Amino acid sequence: SINPMKKGTTRADDNVTTYRNFLVEFDKISLDEQMRYVKGKGMPFSTATFSGNKSIHFIISLETPSRNREEYDDIVKWIYKL
């Protein structure tokens, strides 16, 4: 999970304690193209990790967590529009 969860629970949305991190990945372009694209957009990712298959997983972390799931979902929509 990319967001903190309640201790001893499953990775279900209801168990997220803080909405702070976002995962961005691309499966249809090469690894080099993925990195160039993200850097070219100036995406402020915190971590970039090779998935072991066909993508790099970019994590974007907020300094201040979202207030709720609705705000988090709005930020996700904004990120994916880029």
C-alpha atoms as a PDB file:
ATOM      1  CA  SER A   1       0.000   0.000   0.000  1.00  0.00           C
ATOM      2  CA  ILE A   2       1.236   3.499  -0.736  1.00  0.00           C
ATOM      3  CA  ASN A   3      -0.797   5.113   2.057  1.00  0.00           C
ATOM      4  CA  PRO A   4      -0.749   4.279   5.790  1.00  0.00           C
ATOM      5  CA  MET A   5      -3.271   1.643   6.863  1.00  0.00           C
ATOM      6  CA  LYS A   6      -4.925   0.701  10.143  1.00  0.00           C
ATOM      7  CA  LYS A   7      -2.756  -1.857  11.930  1.00  0.00           C
ATOM      8  CA  GLY A   8      -3.662  -5.472  11.285  1.00  0.00           C
ATOM      9  CA  THR A   9      -6.124  -4.780   8.464  1.00  0.00           C
ATOM     10  CA  THR A  10      -6.350  -5.508   4.758  1.00  0.00           C
ATOM     11  CA  ARG A  11      -5.414  -3.023   2.037  1.00  0.00           C
ATOM     12  CA  ALA A  12      -9.016  -1.901   1.563  1.00  0.00           C
ATOM     13  CA  ASP A  13      -9.821   1.777   1.023  1.00  0.00           C
ATOM     14  CA  ASP A  14     -11.795   1.867   4.287  1.00  0.00           C
ATOM     15  CA  ASN A  15      -8.599   1.052   6.196  1.00  0.00           C
ATOM     16  CA  VAL A  16      -6.510   3.964   4.895  1.00  0.00           C
ATOM     17  CA  THR A  17      -5.634   6.299   7.753  1.00  0.00           C
ATOM     18  CA  THR A  18      -4.026   9.114   5.736  1.00  0.00           C
ATOM     19  CA  TYR A  19      -4.431  10.030   2.063  1.00  0.00           C
ATOM     20  CA  ARG A  20      -1.034  11.420   1.127  1.00  0.00           C
ATOM     21  CA  ASN A  21       0.560   9.352  -1.663  1.00  0.00           C
ATOM     22  CA  PHE A  22      -0.308   8.763  -5.306  1.00  0.00           C
ATOM     23  CA  LEU A  23       0.923   6.088  -7.706  1.00  0.00           C
ATOM     24  CA  VAL A  24       1.520   6.955 -11.360  1.00  0.00           C
ATOM     25  CA  GLU A  25       2.586   4.334 -13.876  1.00  0.00           C
ATOM     26  CA  PHE A  26       2.602   3.814 -17.642  1.00  0.00           C
ATOM     27  CA  ASP A  27       2.416   0.376 -19.246  1.00  0.00           C
ATOM     28  CA  LYS A  28       2.303   1.187 -22.951  1.00  0.00           C
ATOM     29  CA  ILE A  29       5.589   3.040 -23.458  1.00  0.00           C
ATOM     30  CA  SER A  30       9.189   2.000 -22.858  1.00  0.00           C
ATOM     31  CA  LEU A  31      10.942   2.565 -19.535  1.00  0.00           C
ATOM     32  CA  ASP A  32      13.111   5.307 -21.069  1.00  0.00           C
ATOM     33  CA  GLU A  33      10.022   7.046 -22.478  1.00  0.00           C
ATOM     34  CA  GLN A  34       8.307   6.831 -19.098  1.00  0.00           C
ATOM     35  CA  MET A  35      11.180   8.556 -17.335  1.00  0.00           C
ATOM     36  CA  ARG A  36      11.545  11.218 -20.032  1.00  0.00           C
ATOM     37  CA  TYR A  37       7.809  11.918 -19.973  1.00  0.00           C
ATOM     38  CA  VAL A  38       7.603  12.318 -16.197  1.00  0.00           C
ATOM     39  CA  LYS A  39      10.729  14.476 -16.021  1.00  0.00           C
ATOM     40  CA  GLY A  40       9.560  16.524 -19.021  1.00  0.00           C
ATOM     41  CA  LYS A  41       6.264  17.261 -17.244  1.00  0.00           C
ATOM     42  CA  GLY A  42       8.168  18.286 -14.110  1.00  0.00           C
ATOM     43  CA  MET A  43       6.214  15.784 -12.045  1.00  0.00           C
ATOM     44  CA  PRO A  44       7.456  16.112  -8.447  1.00  0.00           C
ATOM     45  CA  PHE A  45       7.725  12.413  -7.657  1.00  0.00           C
ATOM     46  CA  SER A  46       9.206  11.263  -4.363  1.00  0.00           C
ATOM     47  CA  THR A  47      10.168   7.773  -5.483  1.00  0.00           C
ATOM     48  CA  ALA A  48      10.616   5.941  -8.784  1.00  0.00           C
ATOM     49  CA  THR A  49      10.766   2.151  -8.554  1.00  0.00           C
ATOM     50  CA  PHE A  50      10.991  -0.380 -11.372  1.00  0.00           C
ATOM     51  CA  SER A  51       7.991  -2.707 -11.153  1.00  0.00           C
ATOM     52  CA  GLY A  52      10.048  -5.679 -12.279  1.00  0.00           C
ATOM     53  CA  ASN A  53       8.015  -5.963 -15.441  1.00  0.00           C
ATOM     54  CA  LYS A  54       7.044  -3.163 -17.810  1.00  0.00           C
ATOM     55  CA  SER A  55       6.736   0.052 -15.843  1.00  0.00           C
ATOM     56  CA  ILE A  56       8.293   2.438 -13.392  1.00  0.00           C
ATOM     57  CA  HIS A  57       6.087   3.227 -10.402  1.00  0.00           C
ATOM     58  CA  PHE A  58       6.280   6.921  -9.555  1.00  0.00           C
ATOM     59  CA  ILE A  59       5.052   7.979  -6.110  1.00  0.00           C
ATOM     60  CA  ILE A  60       3.943  11.554  -5.551  1.00  0.00           C
ATOM     61  CA  SER A  61       3.719  12.513  -1.861  1.00  0.00           C
ATOM     62  CA  LEU A  62       1.897  15.528  -0.464  1.00  0.00           C
ATOM     63  CA  GLU A  63       3.467  17.544   2.340  1.00  0.00           C
ATOM     64  CA  THR A  64       0.017  17.929   3.877  1.00  0.00           C
ATOM     65  CA  PRO A  65      -2.336  14.941   3.579  1.00  0.00           C
ATOM     66  CA  SER A  66      -5.712  15.269   1.883  1.00  0.00           C
ATOM     67  CA  ARG A  67      -8.514  16.112   4.279  1.00  0.00           C
ATOM     68  CA  ASN A  68     -10.665  13.213   3.061  1.00  0.00           C
ATOM     69  CA  ARG A  69     -11.152  10.633   0.315  1.00  0.00           C
ATOM     70  CA  GLU A  70     -13.122  13.062  -1.873  1.00  0.00           C
ATOM     71  CA  GLU A  71     -10.275  15.590  -1.922  1.00  0.00           C
ATOM     72  CA  TYR A  72      -7.787  12.763  -2.582  1.00  0.00           C
ATOM     73  CA  ASP A  73      -9.871  11.554  -5.558  1.00  0.00           C
ATOM     74  CA  ASP A  74      -9.990  15.100  -6.963  1.00  0.00           C
ATOM     75  CA  ILE A  75      -6.192  15.310  -6.809  1.00  0.00           C
ATOM     76  CA  VAL A  76      -5.902  11.900  -8.514  1.00  0.00           C
ATOM     77  CA  LYS A  77      -8.104  13.148 -11.382  1.00  0.00           C
ATOM     78  CA  TRP A  78      -5.967  16.273 -11.724  1.00  0.00           C
ATOM     79  CA  ILE A  79      -2.709  14.253 -11.770  1.00  0.00           C
ATOM     80  CA  TYR A  80      -4.016  11.798 -14.381  1.00  0.00           C
ATOM     81  CA  LYS A  81      -5.111  14.664 -16.657  1.00  0.00           C
ATOM     82  CA  LEU A  82      -1.452  15.622 -16.977  1.00  0.00           C
END
